[in-house]
Protein backbone atom coordinates (compact mmCIF):
# COMPACT_ATOMS: atom_id res chain seq x y z
CA MET A 1 95.41 179.32 83.47
CA LYS A 2 97.48 181.25 85.64
CA ARG A 3 101.39 181.59 85.97
CA ASP A 4 103.07 181.59 89.76
CA SER A 5 104.91 184.72 89.76
CA ALA A 6 108.10 184.09 90.65
CA LEU A 7 109.09 184.96 94.35
CA VAL A 8 112.47 187.27 94.67
CA ALA A 9 113.72 187.85 98.09
CA TYR A 10 114.73 191.15 98.58
CA SER A 11 116.88 192.18 101.83
CA SER A 12 115.79 195.15 103.83
CA SER A 13 118.46 197.83 104.06
CA ASP A 14 118.37 197.24 108.05
CA GLU A 15 119.40 193.65 107.60
CA SER A 16 122.15 194.92 105.12
CA GLU A 17 123.40 197.38 107.12
CA SER A 18 124.11 194.69 109.87
CA ASP A 19 125.53 192.44 108.05
CA SER A 20 128.19 194.98 107.38
CA LEU A 21 128.80 195.59 110.54
CA THR A 22 129.34 191.94 111.78
CA PRO A 23 133.03 191.24 112.65
CA PRO A 24 134.47 188.36 110.91
CA PRO A 25 135.18 185.33 112.99
CA LYS A 26 138.44 185.62 114.77
CA LYS A 27 140.95 182.46 113.46
CA ARG A 28 141.77 179.92 116.27
CA LYS A 29 145.52 179.31 116.65
CA LEU A 30 146.46 175.64 116.70
CA PRO A 31 148.11 174.74 119.93
CA VAL A 32 152.00 174.31 119.96
CA LEU A 33 152.72 170.59 119.87
CA SER A 34 154.60 169.33 122.80
CA ALA A 35 158.54 168.91 122.43
CA THR A 36 158.08 165.33 123.28
CA LEU A 37 156.18 164.85 120.12
CA VAL A 38 158.50 166.86 117.72
CA GLY A 39 161.46 165.97 118.87
CA PRO A 40 164.98 167.66 119.51
CA LEU A 41 166.31 169.41 116.48
CA HIS A 42 168.84 167.71 114.66
CA VAL A 43 172.45 169.20 115.01
CA ASP A 44 176.03 168.20 113.81
CA ASP A 45 178.70 168.71 115.98
CA PRO A 46 181.81 168.47 113.86
CA SER A 47 183.85 168.51 117.08
CA LEU A 48 182.23 164.97 118.18
CA HIS A 49 183.75 163.57 115.29
CA GLN A 50 187.35 164.69 114.81
CA GLY A 51 186.33 167.70 112.79
CA ARG A 52 184.49 165.36 109.88
CA THR A 53 181.38 167.49 108.65
CA ARG A 54 177.98 165.57 107.37
CA THR A 55 178.36 165.97 103.64
CA THR A 56 174.52 164.86 103.48
CA PRO A 57 171.46 166.95 105.49
CA HIS A 58 169.73 164.65 108.44
CA ILE A 59 166.35 164.08 107.16
CA ASP A 60 163.85 162.39 109.45
CA GLY A 61 162.96 159.20 108.04
CA GLN A 62 165.99 158.82 106.06
CA PHE A 63 168.35 156.16 106.67
CA ALA A 64 171.84 156.27 105.69
CA ALA A 65 173.15 152.63 104.10
CA HIS A 66 176.22 151.00 102.72
CA ILE A 67 176.94 147.84 101.25
CA TYR A 68 180.58 146.24 101.80
CA ILE A 69 182.59 143.57 102.34
CA SER A 70 184.60 143.17 105.84
CA VAL A 71 188.02 141.99 106.64
CA PRO A 72 188.64 141.42 110.08
CA LEU A 73 191.39 142.68 111.66
CA ASP A 74 192.83 140.45 114.70
CA ARG A 75 195.03 142.93 116.65
CA ASP A 76 197.63 140.29 116.68
CA SER A 77 197.29 139.41 113.27
CA THR A 78 200.33 140.43 110.77
CA LEU A 79 198.66 142.88 108.40
CA PHE A 80 197.08 144.86 111.61
CA LYS A 81 200.66 145.29 113.00
CA LEU A 82 201.76 146.26 109.76
CA LEU A 83 199.36 148.67 108.71
CA CYS A 84 200.18 150.33 112.30
CA LYS A 85 203.62 150.47 111.05
CA ILE A 86 202.49 152.26 107.64
CA LEU A 87 200.50 154.93 109.91
CA GLU A 88 203.26 155.76 112.11
CA SER A 89 205.77 156.07 109.05
CA ALA A 90 203.06 158.44 107.64
CA LYS A 91 202.52 160.39 110.71
CA THR A 92 206.02 161.79 110.50
CA MET A 93 205.30 163.10 107.23
CA THR A 94 201.35 163.99 107.91
CA PRO A 95 201.10 164.50 111.54
CA THR A 96 197.35 165.37 111.24
CA LEU A 97 196.30 161.58 109.89
CA HIS A 98 194.04 159.54 111.79
CA ASN A 99 193.55 156.05 111.87
CA PHE A 100 189.97 154.19 111.80
CA TRP A 101 189.94 151.88 114.33
CA SER A 102 191.35 153.94 117.93
CA ALA A 103 188.04 155.92 118.14
CA SER A 104 185.97 152.74 117.64
CA LYS A 105 184.26 150.93 120.40
CA ASP A 106 184.77 147.52 118.75
CA ASN A 107 187.37 145.14 120.30
CA GLU A 108 188.00 143.87 116.66
CA PRO A 109 188.66 146.63 114.08
CA GLU A 110 187.69 145.84 110.71
CA LEU A 111 188.45 146.93 106.89
CA HIS A 112 185.82 147.86 104.68
CA ILE A 113 185.63 146.77 100.91
CA SER A 114 182.67 149.41 99.49
CA LEU A 115 180.64 147.82 96.93
CA SER A 116 178.25 150.89 97.13
CA ARG A 117 178.01 154.60 97.33
CA PRO A 118 176.20 155.83 100.23
CA ILE A 119 172.21 154.64 100.18
CA TYR A 120 169.77 157.05 101.58
CA LEU A 121 166.47 154.92 102.09
CA ARG A 122 163.04 155.07 103.38
CA ALA A 123 161.64 153.20 106.01
CA HIS A 124 159.85 150.85 103.54
CA GLN A 125 162.88 150.31 101.30
CA ARG A 126 165.50 148.60 104.00
CA GLU A 127 163.41 145.61 103.56
CA ASP A 128 163.99 145.24 100.27
CA LEU A 129 167.38 146.13 99.62
CA LYS A 130 168.22 143.70 102.60
CA ARG A 131 166.33 140.82 100.63
CA THR A 132 168.54 141.80 97.93
CA VAL A 133 171.59 141.67 98.91
CA LYS A 134 171.29 138.15 101.03
CA LEU A 135 170.07 136.67 97.16
CA ILE A 136 173.34 137.98 95.55
CA ALA A 137 175.09 136.50 98.76
CA GLU A 138 173.26 133.25 97.85
CA LYS A 139 174.64 132.81 94.27
CA THR A 140 178.21 134.10 94.77
CA ARG A 141 180.94 131.69 95.86
CA PRO A 142 183.74 132.77 98.42
CA PHE A 143 186.96 133.78 96.66
CA THR A 144 190.35 134.89 97.47
CA ALA A 145 191.40 138.36 97.27
CA SER A 146 194.78 140.37 98.10
CA PHE A 147 195.98 143.71 98.63
CA ALA A 148 198.10 145.30 95.94
CA ARG A 149 199.85 148.82 96.77
CA ILE A 150 199.29 151.80 99.14
CA SER A 151 197.17 154.46 97.36
CA GLU A 152 195.96 158.17 98.10
CA LEU A 153 191.74 158.42 97.89
CA VAL A 154 189.71 161.33 98.18
CA ASN A 155 185.95 161.51 99.03
CA ASP A 156 183.73 162.73 96.27
CA GLU A 157 182.77 166.28 98.30
CA ALA A 158 186.73 166.66 98.73
CA THR A 159 186.35 167.03 102.43
CA ARG A 160 188.32 163.90 103.42
CA ILE A 161 191.66 162.41 101.80
CA PHE A 162 192.59 158.49 102.67
CA LEU A 163 195.59 156.21 102.69
CA ALA A 164 194.19 152.91 101.13
CA LEU A 165 195.12 149.73 100.05
CA GLU A 166 194.08 148.80 97.05
CA ILE A 167 193.02 145.35 95.45
CA GLY A 168 194.85 143.17 93.09
CA ALA A 169 193.56 139.65 93.33
CA GLY A 170 189.60 139.41 93.38
CA HIS A 171 188.98 142.71 91.84
CA HIS A 172 186.75 140.69 88.88
CA GLU A 173 184.59 139.24 91.80
CA LEU A 174 184.04 142.63 93.57
CA THR A 175 183.02 143.96 90.24
CA THR A 176 180.44 141.47 89.65
CA LEU A 177 179.12 142.14 92.86
CA THR A 178 178.52 145.48 92.49
CA THR A 179 176.85 144.92 88.79
CA SER A 180 174.65 142.71 90.77
CA LEU A 181 173.81 145.59 92.89
CA MET A 182 172.46 148.23 89.77
CA PRO A 183 169.00 147.24 89.37
CA THR A 184 168.37 147.61 92.79
CA LEU A 185 169.92 151.00 93.31
CA ARG A 186 168.24 152.25 90.54
CA ALA A 187 164.89 150.87 91.64
CA VAL A 188 165.50 153.14 94.85
CA ARG A 189 167.09 156.06 93.26
CA GLN A 190 170.15 155.83 94.41
CA GLN A 191 173.63 156.28 92.57
CA GLU A 192 174.98 153.36 90.84
CA PHE A 193 178.50 152.42 92.33
CA TYR A 194 181.48 154.28 90.03
CA ALA A 195 181.89 152.97 86.53
CA SER A 196 185.49 152.44 87.19
CA PRO A 197 186.06 151.26 90.34
CA ARG A 198 189.18 151.13 92.24
CA PHE A 199 188.33 148.46 95.03
CA HIS A 200 190.07 149.16 98.33
CA ALA A 201 190.30 149.62 102.05
CA SER A 202 190.85 152.87 103.61
CA PHE A 203 192.96 152.68 106.83
CA GLY A 204 193.71 156.28 107.20
CA TRP A 205 192.35 159.63 106.55
CA ALA A 206 192.86 163.42 107.15
CA LEU A 207 190.52 166.44 106.92
CA LEU A 208 191.10 168.01 103.57
CA GLY A 209 190.85 171.93 102.83
CA ARG A 210 191.97 173.85 100.19
CA HIS A 211 195.48 176.17 100.30
CA ALA A 212 194.59 179.98 100.58
CA SER A 213 196.07 180.73 97.31
CA SER A 214 194.77 177.61 95.22
CA PRO A 215 191.32 176.80 94.32
CA ASN A 216 190.01 173.40 94.83
CA PRO A 217 191.75 170.73 93.00
CA ASP A 218 189.50 170.09 89.33
CA ASN A 219 191.46 167.01 88.15
CA ALA A 220 189.89 164.67 90.51
CA THR A 221 188.16 161.56 89.62
CA ASN A 222 185.27 159.34 91.13
CA SER A 223 186.44 156.27 92.03
CA ASN A 224 185.53 154.08 94.54
CA ALA A 225 183.86 154.25 98.35
CA ASP A 226 184.71 152.97 101.68
CA ARG A 227 183.17 154.72 105.04
CA PRO A 228 181.00 157.51 105.02
CA PRO A 229 181.86 159.87 103.31
CA ILE A 230 183.09 157.55 100.48
CA ALA A 231 186.64 157.78 98.90
CA SER A 232 187.49 158.46 95.48
CA THR A 233 190.56 159.26 93.75
CA SER A 234 194.01 160.91 94.47
CA ILE A 235 194.23 164.82 94.70
CA LYS A 236 197.36 165.88 92.62
CA SER A 237 197.84 169.49 93.08
CA ASP A 238 199.90 172.02 90.99
CA SER A 239 201.31 173.78 94.22
CA SER A 240 204.82 171.97 94.55
CA ASN A 241 204.77 173.24 98.71
CA SER A 242 201.24 173.32 99.33
CA SER A 243 201.19 169.54 101.31
CA ALA A 244 203.25 171.23 103.88
CA SER A 245 200.60 173.89 104.36
CA LEU A 246 197.78 173.96 107.10
CA VAL A 247 194.28 175.57 106.94
CA PRO A 248 193.73 177.42 110.23
CA ASP A 249 191.37 175.97 111.82
CA GLU A 250 190.31 173.83 115.06
CA HIS A 251 191.05 170.81 113.39
CA PRO A 252 193.93 171.30 110.60
CA LYS A 253 193.47 170.40 107.34
CA ILE A 254 195.76 169.72 104.66
CA THR A 255 195.62 170.41 100.88
CA GLU A 256 197.03 167.17 99.68
CA PHE A 257 199.37 164.51 100.90
CA PRO A 258 203.19 165.06 100.86
CA PRO A 259 204.55 164.14 96.89
CA ALA A 260 207.11 161.67 98.53
CA LEU A 261 204.65 159.59 100.99
CA LEU A 262 203.07 157.21 99.16
CA PRO A 263 206.55 156.46 97.27
CA THR A 264 208.22 155.93 100.55
CA LEU A 265 205.34 153.60 101.94
CA ASN A 266 205.42 151.72 98.97
CA GLU A 267 209.04 151.10 99.08
CA GLN A 268 209.33 150.45 102.52
CA TYR A 269 206.36 148.34 102.96
CA GLY A 270 205.36 147.30 99.30
CA PRO A 271 207.14 143.83 99.83
CA SER A 272 205.57 143.11 103.12
CA LEU A 273 201.76 143.84 101.55
CA THR A 274 202.32 141.62 99.00
CA GLY A 275 204.66 139.28 100.59
CA SER A 276 203.49 135.44 101.57
CA THR A 277 202.73 136.73 105.38
CA ALA A 278 199.65 139.27 104.52
CA LYS A 279 199.31 138.58 100.66
CA SER A 280 195.34 136.91 100.13
CA PHE A 281 192.57 136.71 102.58
CA ASP A 282 189.24 134.94 101.82
CA ILE A 283 186.18 136.41 101.18
CA SER A 284 183.61 134.52 102.39
CA GLU A 285 180.46 136.93 103.19
CA ILE A 286 178.49 140.43 102.30
CA SER A 287 177.68 143.06 105.16
CA ILE A 288 175.32 146.06 105.18
CA LYS A 289 174.98 148.78 107.54
CA ILE A 290 171.52 150.52 107.70
CA GLY A 291 171.46 153.46 110.33
CA LYS A 292 173.00 151.79 113.35
CA GLU A 293 171.92 147.83 112.42
CA VAL A 294 174.55 145.90 110.59
CA SER A 295 173.88 142.48 108.82
CA ARG A 296 175.73 140.36 107.26
CA TRP A 297 175.24 136.92 104.96
CA CYS A 298 177.45 134.52 104.12
CA LEU A 299 178.08 133.58 100.13
CA ASN A 300 176.67 131.17 98.75
CA GLY A 301 174.03 131.43 101.72
CA THR A 302 175.53 129.16 104.56
CA CYS A 303 174.46 131.35 107.12
CA SER A 304 172.90 135.07 108.14
CA ALA A 305 173.47 136.89 110.99
């Protein structure tokens, strides 16, 4: 039986020479996307926000969220008039102090008692968080709270210092609400609320800077959150006169509140704050802001918006 011979193809010298002279194909450049498809580059401008800077970079497709209790402030109410007096007195010692409502477009201002740190969500996570907040509201009975004293707090990034009203009555109920939120925050890989929260409502703020000859304070401890950026605890500087120093800037910054500020304000306005005219208020709903959208649910699920 005759075996077939293996056939092997050999290229001729002419073919190999021709192949080596053939230039490789040119890579085609992809067309540049239209500006209408790419969208404008997001640039933060602190000059448009009273010198405030974004502490978390903007990311397309990510939504900043915040869960809080809203305390409406009628401009004719005793509490609102009292806060205006407190701020007016505070400005005599800290001229760079701002309030939260003068730059607001809302007709009626409100205070926020935070139940979360800033939360950053992807688009598909928004409805899940809203459902969680709604369920918590449905299971929670309305309760009464009160403010106990005027305090100072600093945000986690040490870029702003706040004048705040700390919560007295209602602290236990607020703690229960933040505890109920923990499993959902863990599920979306967000920071839980502070272990020992100081629930509060901020009503004044100033930009915070470092004194030219002093380091950043290292004895500040995270506490609570209000409006982004979120407030934590007071700063205590080792320098006795650093509070009067301003860091040269287009938007002046302070290193701390004057040491006499809080004792003076609490002595002068504390009795009115804790007195019968402005002592307590009802908490009857939970709010969540995602991007620019605000949703509210009444406690016990009696209404939603």
